[in-house]
Amino acid sequence: MTDERWERDALRDVALEGIRERRRARRWSIFFRLAFLIYLFLILFAFRGFDLGLTGDREETGPHAAVVKINGVIMADGQTRADTVIDGLRRAFEDSATAGVILQINSPGGSPVQASQINNEILRLKEEYPDTPIYAVGEDMFTSGAYYLAVSTDKIFVDRATMIGSIGVLMNGFGFTDAMDKLGVQRRLYTAGDNKGLLDPFSEEREQDVAWINSLLDEIHEQFIEAVQDGRGDKLADDDDLFSGLVWTGEDGIRLGLADEIGSVRDVARNELDTETLRDFTPRPNILDRLAGRVGASFAEGISSLLLREQTPR
């Protein structure tokens, strides 16, 4: 009896282990299928991108307003730089169904060089496509370099609460000489050329250095002022503070001649271009960069959540 019971128990254990093994295999099969589906979804998600309800139908054959977005700081090594914005503008103007181009701007500004390059390209495109109007719509922030690049458009629209202006130039830094003295740190700077260490933050400030930098800033400021005056012309009010670097609301900006009217992107498309269809021509990162960024962000978020759960007292 003992041997029979042992054999029966052994057979039962083998059968149960086989069932458990099949269950594990089924779970892993489901896991890998789900992982593959998620991977395909991410690829599709990265390829299509988000238009946030702004792009309209990509298959639309009628006239449309071509939108190019300028978001964030304008800088040479950033996502919003002259090359990408210009690429979007060129494609927008070249599209045969474009009724007009709208720059949708939400930016505090940035590099005057990048802004100037975009400004110059807008002027060139206006000359090449004289029948295609271009408008700028300022949203939350519409200041400094963001305004610089927009003054060459045909018309500027803002919201009443838009921050507009800041027609000025700045350069900032730090000075650590007092901190070094307190810490007993000696600065050893070796240069070939009397001015190679210009405005070195670990050296005493020199009057001639400050004067030289101020002359550079003044020159760039004059270029900015000239671009605004060329673009806005007689619309500008006679106000001593206009080019002082101050910021105004959109409503005051209209009074000062910095903007023309209150309006949103959809208002401009409807009222100026007589179309409800919007297409987004803003260049996006390539599919691999976008996928890597999104997957990386999701992974980091998951790790962060896991660590927080581990650290939470139970």
Protein backbone atom coordinates (compact mmCIF):
# COMPACT_ATOMS: atom_id res chain seq x y z
CA MET A 1 0.00 0.00 0.00
CA THR A 2 2.83 2.33 0.85
CA ASP A 3 4.46 1.83 -2.56
CA GLU A 4 1.16 2.38 -4.37
CA ARG A 5 0.52 5.59 -2.41
CA TRP A 6 4.05 6.80 -3.16
CA GLU A 7 3.60 6.13 -6.88
CA ARG A 8 0.19 7.84 -6.87
CA ASP A 9 1.62 10.89 -5.09
CA ALA A 10 4.57 11.02 -7.46
CA LEU A 11 2.30 10.85 -10.52
CA ARG A 12 0.11 13.57 -9.05
CA ASP A 13 3.14 15.81 -8.38
CA VAL A 14 4.39 15.26 -11.94
CA ALA A 15 0.95 16.10 -13.35
CA LEU A 16 0.63 19.22 -11.20
CA GLU A 17 4.11 20.36 -12.18
CA GLY A 18 3.17 19.90 -15.84
CA ILE A 19 0.05 22.00 -15.34
CA ARG A 20 2.06 24.70 -13.56
CA GLU A 21 4.65 24.67 -16.34
CA ARG A 22 1.93 25.15 -18.99
CA ARG A 23 0.47 28.01 -16.98
CA ARG A 24 3.89 29.68 -16.74
CA ALA A 25 4.42 29.22 -20.46
CA ARG A 26 0.98 30.73 -21.16
CA ARG A 27 1.70 33.73 -18.93
CA TRP A 28 5.03 34.37 -20.61
CA SER A 29 3.39 34.02 -24.02
CA ILE A 30 0.77 36.60 -23.05
CA PHE A 31 3.49 38.89 -21.64
CA PHE A 32 5.57 38.80 -24.83
CA ARG A 33 2.51 39.36 -27.00
CA LEU A 34 1.52 42.38 -24.94
CA ALA A 35 5.08 43.69 -25.01
CA PHE A 36 5.14 43.34 -28.79
CA LEU A 37 1.81 45.16 -29.11
CA ILE A 38 3.06 47.97 -26.84
CA TYR A 39 6.22 48.22 -28.96
CA LEU A 40 4.13 48.50 -32.14
CA PHE A 41 1.95 51.11 -30.47
CA LEU A 42 4.99 53.18 -29.49
CA ILE A 43 6.31 52.99 -33.05
CA LEU A 44 2.97 54.15 -34.43
CA PHE A 45 2.69 56.82 -31.73
CA ALA A 46 6.16 58.17 -32.54
CA PHE A 47 5.50 58.08 -36.27
CA ARG A 48 2.19 59.91 -36.19
CA GLY A 49 2.99 62.31 -33.33
CA PHE A 50 0.57 64.54 -31.54
CA ASP A 51 -1.09 67.44 -33.34
CA LEU A 52 -3.24 68.43 -30.33
CA GLY A 53 -6.23 69.06 -32.55
CA LEU A 54 -4.40 71.65 -34.63
CA THR A 55 -3.37 69.87 -37.78
CA GLY A 56 -6.66 69.12 -39.44
CA ASP A 57 -7.00 66.29 -41.93
CA ARG A 58 -3.72 65.32 -43.58
CA GLU A 59 -5.70 64.20 -46.61
CA GLU A 60 -7.53 67.52 -46.88
CA THR A 61 -7.23 68.83 -50.45
CA GLY A 62 -8.89 72.24 -49.94
CA PRO A 63 -7.18 75.44 -48.81
CA HIS A 64 -5.71 75.36 -45.34
CA ALA A 65 -3.85 77.58 -42.90
CA ALA A 66 -0.30 76.31 -42.56
CA VAL A 67 0.80 76.51 -38.91
CA VAL A 68 4.42 76.58 -37.77
CA LYS A 69 4.88 76.48 -33.99
CA ILE A 70 7.67 78.23 -32.13
CA ASN A 71 7.75 77.04 -28.52
CA GLY A 72 10.31 77.54 -25.79
CA VAL A 73 13.72 79.14 -25.89
CA ILE A 74 15.14 79.84 -29.34
CA MET A 75 18.70 78.49 -29.39
CA ALA A 76 21.13 76.96 -31.85
CA ASP A 77 21.33 73.55 -30.14
CA GLY A 78 17.69 73.40 -29.05
CA GLN A 79 14.56 72.01 -30.67
CA THR A 80 13.44 75.54 -31.59
CA ARG A 81 16.28 76.77 -33.77
CA ALA A 82 16.50 78.60 -37.06
CA ASP A 83 17.11 75.50 -39.21
CA THR A 84 14.00 73.65 -38.03
CA VAL A 85 11.72 76.70 -38.09
CA ILE A 86 12.92 77.68 -41.57
CA ASP A 87 12.38 74.13 -42.81
CA GLY A 88 8.77 74.27 -41.60
CA LEU A 89 8.23 77.70 -43.16
CA ARG A 90 9.58 76.60 -46.53
CA ARG A 91 7.36 73.52 -46.65
CA ALA A 92 4.36 75.61 -45.61
CA PHE A 93 4.90 78.16 -48.38
CA GLU A 94 5.64 75.50 -50.98
CA ASP A 95 2.41 73.61 -50.33
CA SER A 96 0.01 74.45 -53.16
CA ALA A 97 -3.03 74.27 -50.85
CA THR A 98 -1.67 76.81 -48.35
CA ALA A 99 -3.97 79.82 -48.11
CA GLY A 100 -1.62 81.51 -45.67
CA VAL A 101 1.00 80.79 -43.03
CA ILE A 102 0.56 81.32 -39.29
CA LEU A 103 3.45 81.44 -36.84
CA GLN A 104 2.08 80.21 -33.50
CA ILE A 105 4.53 81.64 -30.96
CA ASN A 106 4.91 80.91 -27.26
CA SER A 107 8.50 81.79 -26.45
CA PRO A 108 10.49 84.14 -24.19
CA GLY A 109 13.06 84.61 -26.96
CA GLY A 110 16.65 83.47 -27.03
CA SER A 111 19.49 83.78 -29.51
CA PRO A 112 19.43 87.01 -31.54
CA VAL A 113 21.32 85.23 -34.31
CA GLN A 114 18.70 82.47 -34.62
CA ALA A 115 15.89 85.04 -34.48
CA SER A 116 17.55 87.19 -37.14
CA GLN A 117 17.98 84.21 -39.47
CA ILE A 118 14.28 83.34 -39.19
CA ASN A 119 13.33 87.00 -39.71
CA ASN A 120 15.45 87.18 -42.86
CA GLU A 121 13.98 83.94 -44.21
CA ILE A 122 10.44 85.24 -43.71
CA LEU A 123 11.33 88.32 -45.75
CA ARG A 124 12.78 86.15 -48.50
CA LEU A 125 9.74 83.85 -48.59
CA LYS A 126 7.38 86.83 -48.73
CA GLU A 127 9.23 88.05 -51.80
CA GLU A 128 9.19 84.59 -53.40
CA TYR A 129 5.51 83.95 -52.61
CA PRO A 130 3.90 87.42 -52.71
CA ASP A 131 0.37 86.00 -52.83
CA THR A 132 0.78 83.96 -49.62
CA PRO A 133 0.26 86.05 -46.48
CA ILE A 134 2.01 85.23 -43.22
CA TYR A 135 0.78 86.15 -39.76
CA ALA A 136 2.20 85.84 -36.26
CA VAL A 137 0.07 84.88 -33.25
CA GLY A 138 1.63 85.50 -29.84
CA GLU A 139 0.33 83.36 -27.00
CA ASP A 140 1.55 83.40 -23.36
CA MET A 141 5.10 84.65 -24.02
CA PHE A 142 5.97 86.70 -27.09
CA THR A 143 9.10 88.58 -26.12
CA SER A 144 12.67 89.41 -27.11
CA GLY A 145 13.94 87.10 -29.89
CA ALA A 146 10.46 85.63 -30.39
CA TYR A 147 9.18 89.10 -31.21
CA TYR A 148 12.32 89.87 -33.26
CA LEU A 149 11.61 87.03 -35.70
CA ALA A 150 7.91 87.94 -36.01
CA VAL A 151 8.11 91.60 -36.95
CA SER A 152 8.63 90.73 -40.62
CA THR A 153 5.19 89.06 -40.84
CA ASP A 154 2.22 90.83 -42.46
CA LYS A 155 0.21 91.14 -39.26
CA ILE A 156 0.67 90.36 -35.58
CA PHE A 157 -2.09 89.03 -33.33
CA VAL A 158 -2.02 88.59 -29.55
CA ASP A 159 -4.26 87.80 -26.62
CA ARG A 160 -5.09 90.56 -24.17
CA ALA A 161 -2.88 88.86 -21.55
CA THR A 162 0.03 88.00 -23.86
CA MET A 163 3.42 89.19 -22.61
CA ILE A 164 4.93 91.15 -25.49
CA GLY A 165 8.01 93.32 -25.94
CA SER A 166 11.36 93.05 -24.16
CA ILE A 167 13.11 94.73 -27.08
CA GLY A 168 16.57 94.65 -25.61
CA VAL A 169 19.71 92.52 -25.32
CA LEU A 170 21.40 91.06 -22.27
CA MET A 171 24.44 89.08 -21.25
CA ASN A 172 24.78 87.76 -17.72
CA GLY A 173 27.26 85.87 -15.59
CA PHE A 174 28.76 85.63 -12.11
CA GLY A 175 31.76 86.90 -10.22
CA PHE A 176 33.43 84.61 -7.66
CA THR A 177 36.43 86.68 -6.58
CA ASP A 178 35.19 87.40 -3.02
CA ALA A 179 34.26 83.76 -2.48
CA MET A 180 37.73 82.69 -3.66
CA ASP A 181 39.40 85.10 -1.25
CA LYS A 182 37.42 83.68 1.67
CA LEU A 183 38.27 80.13 0.66
CA GLY A 184 41.92 80.92 0.05
CA VAL A 185 41.77 79.91 -3.63
CA GLN A 186 44.22 81.43 -6.08
CA ARG A 187 43.21 82.06 -9.67
CA ARG A 188 45.87 81.07 -12.21
CA LEU A 189 44.90 82.25 -15.67
CA TYR A 190 47.39 82.21 -18.54
CA THR A 191 46.51 83.89 -21.83
CA ALA A 192 48.11 84.90 -25.09
CA GLY A 193 46.41 88.18 -25.92
CA ASP A 194 45.56 90.98 -23.50
CA ASN A 195 41.81 90.45 -23.76
CA LYS A 196 41.61 86.67 -24.04
CA GLY A 197 40.36 86.42 -20.45
CA LEU A 198 37.52 88.87 -21.12
CA LEU A 199 35.01 88.87 -18.24
CA ASP A 200 36.55 85.80 -16.62
CA PRO A 201 34.27 85.16 -13.59
CA PHE A 202 37.21 84.25 -11.35
CA SER A 203 39.15 87.45 -12.05
CA GLU A 204 38.52 91.04 -11.00
CA GLU A 205 36.21 92.90 -13.37
CA ARG A 206 37.94 95.43 -15.60
CA GLU A 207 36.31 98.65 -16.79
CA GLN A 208 37.57 98.22 -20.34
CA ASP A 209 36.03 94.73 -20.49
CA VAL A 210 32.64 96.03 -19.37
CA ALA A 211 32.82 98.91 -21.86
CA TRP A 212 33.64 96.53 -24.69
CA ILE A 213 30.77 94.16 -23.86
CA ASN A 214 28.36 97.07 -23.58
CA SER A 215 29.39 98.26 -27.03
CA LEU A 216 28.63 94.81 -28.44
CA LEU A 217 25.24 94.70 -26.72
CA ASP A 218 24.41 98.18 -27.98
CA GLU A 219 25.22 97.15 -31.54
CA ILE A 220 23.00 94.05 -31.36
CA HIS A 221 20.28 96.17 -29.73
CA GLU A 222 20.41 98.58 -32.66
CA GLN A 223 20.02 95.68 -35.07
CA PHE A 224 16.96 94.53 -33.11
CA ILE A 225 15.48 98.06 -33.13
CA GLU A 226 16.11 98.40 -36.86
CA ALA A 227 14.31 95.10 -37.55
CA VAL A 228 11.30 96.23 -35.46
CA GLN A 229 11.16 99.62 -37.16
CA ASP A 230 11.45 98.06 -40.62
CA GLY A 231 8.72 95.56 -39.84
CA ARG A 232 6.27 97.78 -37.98
CA GLY A 233 6.99 101.15 -39.58
CA ASP A 234 4.51 103.91 -38.82
CA LYS A 235 2.44 101.58 -36.63
CA LEU A 236 4.88 102.11 -33.74
CA ALA A 237 3.91 104.66 -31.12
CA ASP A 238 6.27 107.47 -30.16
CA ASP A 239 7.18 106.12 -26.72
CA ASP A 240 10.58 106.46 -25.05
CA ASP A 241 10.19 103.07 -23.33
CA LEU A 242 9.42 101.14 -26.51
CA PHE A 243 12.99 99.87 -26.96
CA SER A 244 14.00 99.87 -23.30
CA GLY A 245 13.47 96.14 -22.71
CA LEU A 246 10.13 96.58 -20.92
CA VAL A 247 7.35 94.01 -21.31
CA TRP A 248 3.66 94.84 -21.84
CA THR A 249 0.38 93.00 -22.06
CA GLY A 250 -1.04 92.24 -25.49
CA GLU A 251 -3.63 94.96 -25.08
CA ASP A 252 -0.94 97.57 -24.37
CA GLY A 253 1.15 96.10 -27.17
CA ILE A 254 -1.61 96.97 -29.65
CA ARG A 255 -1.77 100.51 -28.28
CA LEU A 256 2.00 100.84 -28.74
CA GLY A 257 1.90 99.43 -32.26
CA LEU A 258 3.80 96.26 -31.39
CA ALA A 259 0.78 94.18 -32.43
CA ASP A 260 -2.26 94.74 -34.64
CA GLU A 261 -5.26 92.91 -33.21
CA ILE A 262 -6.57 90.49 -30.61
CA GLY A 263 -6.87 87.01 -32.08
CA SER A 264 -5.99 83.32 -31.81
CA VAL A 265 -4.69 80.91 -34.45
CA ARG A 266 -8.21 79.79 -35.28
CA ASP A 267 -9.43 83.40 -35.41
CA VAL A 268 -6.73 84.26 -37.92
CA ALA A 269 -7.44 81.19 -40.07
CA ARG A 270 -11.15 81.94 -40.09
CA ASN A 271 -11.13 85.73 -40.45
CA GLU A 272 -7.98 86.38 -42.48
CA LEU A 273 -7.68 83.22 -44.56
CA ASP A 274 -11.33 82.16 -44.79
CA THR A 275 -10.64 78.55 -43.80
CA GLU A 276 -11.33 76.35 -40.79
CA THR A 277 -8.68 73.83 -41.76
CA LEU A 278 -5.34 73.97 -39.98
CA ARG A 279 -2.27 71.95 -40.93
CA ASP A 280 0.78 71.74 -38.76
CA PHE A 281 4.07 72.14 -40.66
CA THR A 282 6.24 72.26 -37.54
CA PRO A 283 9.23 69.93 -38.07
CA ARG A 284 9.44 67.15 -35.50
CA PRO A 285 12.40 65.04 -34.33
CA ASN A 286 12.95 61.90 -36.39
CA ILE A 287 11.11 58.75 -35.41
CA LEU A 288 14.03 57.14 -33.57
CA ASP A 289 14.75 60.22 -31.47
CA ARG A 290 11.10 60.64 -30.58
CA LEU A 291 10.68 56.96 -29.72
CA ALA A 292 13.83 56.93 -27.61
CA GLY A 293 12.72 60.05 -25.78
CA ARG A 294 9.25 58.74 -25.05
CA VAL A 295 10.37 55.27 -24.04
CA GLY A 296 13.14 56.79 -21.92
CA ALA A 297 10.74 59.15 -20.21
CA SER A 298 8.28 56.32 -19.49
CA PHE A 299 11.08 54.14 -18.14
CA ALA A 300 12.36 56.93 -15.88
CA GLU A 301 8.84 57.60 -14.63
CA GLY A 302 8.35 53.91 -13.86
CA ILE A 303 11.64 53.69 -11.95
CA SER A 304 10.78 56.84 -10.01
CA SER A 305 7.37 55.45 -9.04
CA LEU A 306 8.96 52.16 -7.98
CA LEU A 307 11.53 53.92 -5.80
CA LEU A 308 8.84 56.05 -4.19
CA ARG A 309 6.80 52.96 -3.38
CA GLU A 310 9.86 51.29 -1.89
CA GLN A 311 10.55 54.32 0.29
CA THR A 312 6.97 54.68 1.51
CA PRO A 313 6.56 53.35 5.08
CA ARG A 314 4.20 50.41 5.37
